[in-house]
């Protein structure tokens, strides 16, 4: 039997081949050959010479097969981009705790694992499935926003594959990491996760349009679950980092998205704390520290 990874790849390729509108049927190649075939005429002219017609036919063939290969390029490109998104808040659950049934739980009953990423250590997020999924979807949203600049059919193809990678991986984590063997239960959780994903898109879109306070509130509700003990500096740093990523993604040409998107996430969000701690120009004159009053003592 094929392994789970092979089955996932096969499912992605089959779905892409079935839904991609850019893939033409085999009959189109015959239409191209008819359209590019030379017209024989009794008169001698250079517009219908065999060399020119063969060049046109060869270009048509190359264009056709490039369209045929495009779905497979999208699958591999989105897989690499998704891996970069998913490893930002990666966590594990020790085998000894899983076998002994001693996995610590959150107040909501969620398994707590071990994580050593920036989101766990610097931003004080617990290494749980919820944290991993929210941080991963945050990164995916940034890529989604950039993909909207592509043509509609191309953007939908990229977005569909990116979402498929995420939900395949999420179900695998439920099964292998958390021991949820019931397929029906996993699908119920995946349905709830999809609803969260749609809400995240709407919330972050609203924040990007209306301003940083609204965007920070969306991050606070989704990533930090509206906790009251969240450091405001952390929210400000994440919002600043999101704006920076959107700017860098916008500067990438469409044809370079296949290999340049991964470099955007190499800049960690915690680096924005330096910018957050720097006083704004408008407040420089108002943040003068008050000098302590010195009382005169009579001699």
Protein backbone atom coordinates (compact mmCIF):
# COMPACT_ATOMS: atom_id res chain seq x y z
CA UNK A 1 0.00 0.00 0.00
CA UNK A 2 1.12 3.59 -0.62
CA UNK A 3 2.30 5.63 2.33
CA UNK A 4 0.29 8.54 3.67
CA UNK A 5 2.59 11.12 2.08
CA UNK A 6 2.20 9.50 -1.34
CA UNK A 7 -1.57 9.41 -0.99
CA UNK A 8 -1.59 13.08 -0.08
CA UNK A 9 0.50 14.01 -3.13
CA UNK A 10 -1.71 11.91 -5.37
CA UNK A 11 -4.85 13.56 -4.03
CA UNK A 12 -3.40 17.01 -4.60
CA UNK A 13 -2.34 16.24 -8.15
CA UNK A 14 -5.66 14.64 -9.04
CA UNK A 15 -7.65 17.54 -7.68
CA UNK A 16 -5.45 20.08 -9.42
CA UNK A 17 -5.68 18.26 -12.74
CA UNK A 18 -9.45 18.03 -12.43
CA UNK A 19 -10.09 21.65 -11.48
CA UNK A 20 -7.36 23.63 -13.25
CA UNK A 21 -8.92 25.53 -16.10
CA UNK A 22 -5.60 26.16 -17.75
CA UNK A 23 -5.21 22.53 -18.74
CA UNK A 24 -6.63 22.01 -22.20
CA UNK A 25 -7.95 18.81 -23.69
CA UNK A 26 -5.96 16.81 -26.20
CA UNK A 27 -8.11 18.11 -29.03
CA UNK A 28 -6.61 21.58 -28.64
CA UNK A 29 -3.28 20.33 -29.94
CA UNK A 30 -4.96 19.35 -33.17
CA UNK A 31 -6.51 22.80 -33.42
CA UNK A 32 -3.10 24.37 -32.95
CA UNK A 33 -1.59 22.23 -35.68
CA UNK A 34 -4.36 23.11 -38.11
CA UNK A 35 -4.14 26.81 -37.30
CA UNK A 36 -0.37 26.89 -37.74
CA UNK A 37 -0.13 24.70 -40.86
CA UNK A 38 1.14 26.52 -43.98
CA UNK A 39 -1.26 27.60 -46.70
CA UNK A 40 -0.14 26.36 -50.08
CA UNK A 41 -0.44 28.84 -52.85
CA UNK A 42 0.57 28.78 -56.51
CA UNK A 43 2.40 32.04 -56.03
CA UNK A 44 5.89 32.18 -54.56
CA UNK A 45 5.98 34.22 -51.31
CA UNK A 46 8.00 34.16 -48.10
CA UNK A 47 5.03 34.38 -45.72
CA UNK A 48 4.14 30.71 -46.11
CA UNK A 49 7.57 29.11 -46.19
CA UNK A 50 7.92 25.84 -44.26
CA UNK A 51 10.61 27.27 -41.92
CA UNK A 52 8.30 29.98 -40.55
CA UNK A 53 5.37 27.61 -40.15
CA UNK A 54 7.51 25.07 -38.33
CA UNK A 55 8.71 27.76 -35.92
CA UNK A 56 5.14 28.83 -35.19
CA UNK A 57 4.07 25.25 -34.69
CA UNK A 58 7.00 24.59 -32.34
CA UNK A 59 6.13 27.66 -30.22
CA UNK A 60 2.53 26.52 -30.02
CA UNK A 61 3.61 23.06 -28.86
CA UNK A 62 5.91 24.54 -26.21
CA UNK A 63 3.16 26.84 -24.95
CA UNK A 64 0.73 23.96 -24.74
CA UNK A 65 3.04 21.77 -22.68
CA UNK A 66 3.93 24.67 -20.39
CA UNK A 67 0.25 24.94 -19.59
CA UNK A 68 0.13 21.21 -18.97
CA UNK A 69 3.05 21.41 -16.52
CA UNK A 70 1.79 24.48 -14.66
CA UNK A 71 -0.48 22.58 -12.20
CA UNK A 72 2.45 20.46 -11.06
CA UNK A 73 4.64 23.53 -10.57
CA UNK A 74 1.91 25.10 -8.44
CA UNK A 75 1.63 21.96 -6.28
CA UNK A 76 5.34 21.91 -5.49
CA UNK A 77 5.65 25.68 -5.04
CA UNK A 78 2.69 25.87 -2.63
CA UNK A 79 4.01 22.86 -0.73
CA UNK A 80 7.31 24.65 -0.08
CA UNK A 81 5.51 27.86 0.90
CA UNK A 82 3.21 25.96 3.24
CA UNK A 83 6.13 24.23 4.97
CA UNK A 84 7.63 27.65 5.68
CA UNK A 85 4.32 28.77 7.20
CA UNK A 86 3.80 25.60 9.25
CA UNK A 87 7.21 25.43 10.91
CA UNK A 88 6.92 28.86 12.56
CA UNK A 89 5.02 27.48 15.60
CA UNK A 90 5.90 23.81 15.31
CA UNK A 91 5.55 21.68 18.44
CA UNK A 92 5.85 18.07 19.51
CA UNK A 93 4.33 15.83 22.17
CA UNK A 94 6.82 13.49 23.91
CA UNK A 95 6.19 9.80 23.31
CA UNK A 96 6.62 9.02 27.00
CA UNK A 97 3.77 11.36 27.95
CA UNK A 98 1.57 10.01 25.18
CA UNK A 99 2.13 6.39 26.17
CA UNK A 100 1.72 7.08 29.89
CA UNK A 101 -1.32 9.27 29.38
CA UNK A 102 0.30 12.15 31.27
CA UNK A 103 0.04 14.87 28.62
CA UNK A 104 -0.57 18.22 30.36
CA UNK A 105 -3.75 20.06 29.43
CA UNK A 106 -4.82 23.65 29.13
CA UNK A 107 -7.85 25.01 30.96
CA UNK A 108 -9.87 24.23 27.82
CA UNK A 109 -8.63 20.62 27.80
CA UNK A 110 -6.18 21.00 24.91
CA UNK A 111 -2.95 18.97 24.83
CA UNK A 112 0.21 20.92 25.69
CA UNK A 113 3.37 19.80 23.95
CA UNK A 114 6.91 21.12 23.68
CA UNK A 115 7.83 24.05 21.46
CA UNK A 116 10.93 26.20 21.21
CA UNK A 117 9.99 28.65 18.50
CA UNK A 118 9.84 32.42 18.78
CA UNK A 119 6.06 32.33 19.16
CA UNK A 120 6.40 30.06 22.19
CA UNK A 121 9.40 31.55 23.95
CA UNK A 122 9.22 35.27 23.10
CA UNK A 123 5.48 35.74 22.65
CA UNK A 124 4.52 33.33 25.46
CA UNK A 125 2.07 31.21 23.45
CA UNK A 126 1.47 27.62 24.63
CA UNK A 127 2.76 24.84 22.32
CA UNK A 128 -0.66 23.51 21.36
CA UNK A 129 -2.52 22.58 18.20
CA UNK A 130 -4.53 25.79 18.46
CA UNK A 131 -1.41 27.96 18.59
CA UNK A 132 0.15 26.09 15.67
CA UNK A 133 -2.97 26.38 13.51
CA UNK A 134 -3.52 30.08 14.26
CA UNK A 135 0.09 31.07 13.58
CA UNK A 136 0.14 28.97 10.41
CA UNK A 137 -3.09 30.54 9.17
CA UNK A 138 -1.66 33.99 9.96
CA UNK A 139 1.29 33.30 7.64
CA UNK A 140 -1.01 31.79 5.02
CA UNK A 141 -3.17 34.91 5.06
CA UNK A 142 -0.18 37.06 4.13
CA UNK A 143 0.49 34.84 1.11
CA UNK A 144 -3.23 34.85 0.21
CA UNK A 145 -3.25 38.64 0.16
CA UNK A 146 -0.37 38.66 -2.35
CA UNK A 147 -1.93 35.98 -4.55
CA UNK A 148 -4.95 38.21 -5.10
CA UNK A 149 -2.81 40.29 -7.47
CA UNK A 150 -2.60 37.37 -9.90
CA UNK A 151 -5.17 36.58 -12.53
CA UNK A 152 -8.34 35.20 -11.02
CA UNK A 153 -7.95 31.60 -12.20
CA UNK A 154 -4.25 31.50 -11.31
CA UNK A 155 -4.87 32.96 -7.86
CA UNK A 156 -7.62 30.45 -7.13
CA UNK A 157 -5.34 27.60 -8.18
CA UNK A 158 -2.56 28.73 -5.83
CA UNK A 159 -4.94 29.40 -2.94
CA UNK A 160 -6.71 26.06 -3.34
CA UNK A 161 -3.46 24.12 -3.21
CA UNK A 162 -2.18 26.08 -0.21
CA UNK A 163 -5.36 25.37 1.75
CA UNK A 164 -5.24 21.69 0.79
CA UNK A 165 -1.70 21.38 2.15
CA UNK A 166 -2.80 22.92 5.43
CA UNK A 167 -5.83 20.71 6.00
CA UNK A 168 -3.99 17.54 5.00
CA UNK A 169 -1.29 18.41 7.53
CA UNK A 170 -3.82 19.37 10.21
CA UNK A 171 -5.61 16.03 9.90
CA UNK A 172 -2.29 14.20 10.06
CA UNK A 173 -1.40 16.02 13.30
CA UNK A 174 -4.76 15.11 14.80
CA UNK A 175 -4.17 11.46 13.96
CA UNK A 176 -0.45 10.94 14.64
CA UNK A 177 0.33 13.60 17.25
CA UNK A 178 -2.89 13.69 19.27
CA UNK A 179 -4.15 10.16 18.69
CA UNK A 180 -7.57 11.07 17.28
CA UNK A 181 -8.18 7.84 15.39
CA UNK A 182 -11.85 8.48 14.60
CA UNK A 183 -12.09 9.84 11.08
CA UNK A 184 -15.54 11.28 11.73
CA UNK A 185 -14.26 13.20 14.75
CA UNK A 186 -11.30 14.51 12.78
CA UNK A 187 -13.59 15.74 10.03
CA UNK A 188 -15.74 17.52 12.60
CA UNK A 189 -12.68 19.33 13.93
CA UNK A 190 -11.54 20.13 10.39
CA UNK A 191 -14.93 21.64 9.63
CA UNK A 192 -14.61 23.91 12.67
CA UNK A 193 -11.07 24.77 11.59
CA UNK A 194 -12.30 25.75 8.13
CA UNK A 195 -14.88 28.08 9.68
CA UNK A 196 -12.08 29.67 11.71
CA UNK A 197 -10.02 30.08 8.54
CA UNK A 198 -12.81 31.93 6.77
CA UNK A 199 -13.30 34.17 9.80
CA UNK A 200 -9.57 34.90 9.96
CA UNK A 201 -9.53 36.08 6.36
CA UNK A 202 -12.41 38.48 7.04
CA UNK A 203 -10.91 39.74 10.32
CA UNK A 204 -7.44 40.39 8.93
CA UNK A 205 -8.84 41.97 5.77
CA UNK A 206 -10.79 44.38 7.92
CA UNK A 207 -7.71 45.18 9.97
CA UNK A 208 -5.50 45.78 6.93
CA UNK A 209 -8.09 48.21 5.53
CA UNK A 210 -9.23 50.02 8.69
CA UNK A 211 -5.88 50.38 10.43
CA UNK A 212 -3.44 48.96 12.94
CA UNK A 213 -5.74 49.06 16.02
CA UNK A 214 -8.33 46.90 14.24
CA UNK A 215 -5.63 44.55 12.96
CA UNK A 216 -4.11 44.24 16.44
CA UNK A 217 -7.54 43.41 17.85
CA UNK A 218 -7.95 40.65 15.26
CA UNK A 219 -4.55 39.16 16.18
CA UNK A 220 -5.46 39.39 19.87
CA UNK A 221 -8.77 37.56 19.38
CA UNK A 222 -7.45 34.79 17.13
CA UNK A 223 -3.82 34.11 18.03
CA UNK A 224 -3.98 35.02 21.74
CA UNK A 225 -7.62 33.98 22.33
CA UNK A 226 -8.43 37.41 23.80
CA UNK A 227 -6.24 36.86 26.87
CA UNK A 228 -6.09 39.78 29.27
CA UNK A 229 -2.42 39.31 30.14
CA UNK A 230 -1.10 39.87 26.59
CA UNK A 231 1.73 42.38 26.27
CA UNK A 232 0.64 45.27 24.07
CA UNK A 233 4.19 45.51 22.71
CA UNK A 234 3.84 41.98 21.36
CA UNK A 235 0.66 42.87 19.48
CA UNK A 236 2.27 46.00 18.07
CA UNK A 237 5.32 44.03 16.93
CA UNK A 238 3.18 41.40 15.16
CA UNK A 239 1.12 44.08 13.40
CA UNK A 240 4.29 45.88 12.28
CA UNK A 241 5.72 42.57 11.05
CA UNK A 242 2.54 41.79 9.10
CA UNK A 243 2.70 45.17 7.36
CA UNK A 244 6.36 44.57 6.50
CA UNK A 245 5.65 41.10 5.08
CA UNK A 246 2.81 42.43 2.94
CA UNK A 247 5.13 45.10 1.58
CA UNK A 248 7.90 42.61 0.77
CA UNK A 249 5.47 40.17 -0.85
CA UNK A 250 4.05 42.99 -2.99
CA UNK A 251 7.55 43.73 -4.32
CA UNK A 252 8.02 40.15 -5.59
CA UNK A 253 7.24 39.78 -9.32
CA UNK A 254 4.55 37.27 -10.24
CA UNK A 255 6.97 34.95 -12.02
CA UNK A 256 9.24 34.90 -8.95
CA UNK A 257 6.62 33.80 -6.43
CA UNK A 258 7.70 30.19 -6.95
CA UNK A 259 11.03 30.66 -5.17
CA UNK A 260 11.19 34.11 -3.52
CA UNK A 261 8.16 33.87 -1.21
CA UNK A 262 10.05 31.74 1.33
CA UNK A 263 12.58 34.50 2.00
CA UNK A 264 9.91 36.85 3.36
CA UNK A 265 9.33 34.83 6.53
CA UNK A 266 13.02 34.72 7.44
CA UNK A 267 12.60 38.08 9.19
CA UNK A 268 11.20 37.22 12.66
CA UNK A 269 8.38 39.26 14.14
CA UNK A 270 10.28 39.81 17.40
CA UNK A 271 12.74 42.05 15.54
CA UNK A 272 9.94 44.61 15.25
CA UNK A 273 10.06 45.15 19.01
CA UNK A 274 12.98 47.53 18.40
CA UNK A 275 10.75 49.65 16.20
CA UNK A 276 7.87 49.44 18.66
CA UNK A 277 10.02 50.66 21.56
CA UNK A 278 11.27 53.64 19.56
CA UNK A 279 9.21 56.77 20.39
CA UNK A 280 7.30 58.33 17.53
CA UNK A 281 8.46 61.70 16.28
CA UNK A 282 5.20 63.29 17.41
CA UNK A 283 5.85 62.20 21.01
CA UNK A 284 9.54 63.00 21.34
CA UNK A 285 8.89 66.28 23.14
CA UNK A 286 6.24 64.80 25.41
CA UNK A 287 8.24 61.87 26.78
CA UNK A 288 10.74 63.87 28.80
CA UNK A 289 11.34 62.19 32.12
CA UNK A 290 10.42 64.32 35.07
CA UNK A 291 13.29 65.22 37.31
CA UNK A 292 12.80 64.37 41.00
CA UNK A 293 12.12 67.34 43.22
CA UNK A 294 15.04 68.25 45.48
CA UNK A 295 14.06 69.82 48.78
CA UNK A 296 16.31 72.49 50.19
CA UNK A 297 17.52 71.71 53.63
CA UNK A 298 18.22 74.65 55.90
CA UNK A 299 21.71 74.69 57.32
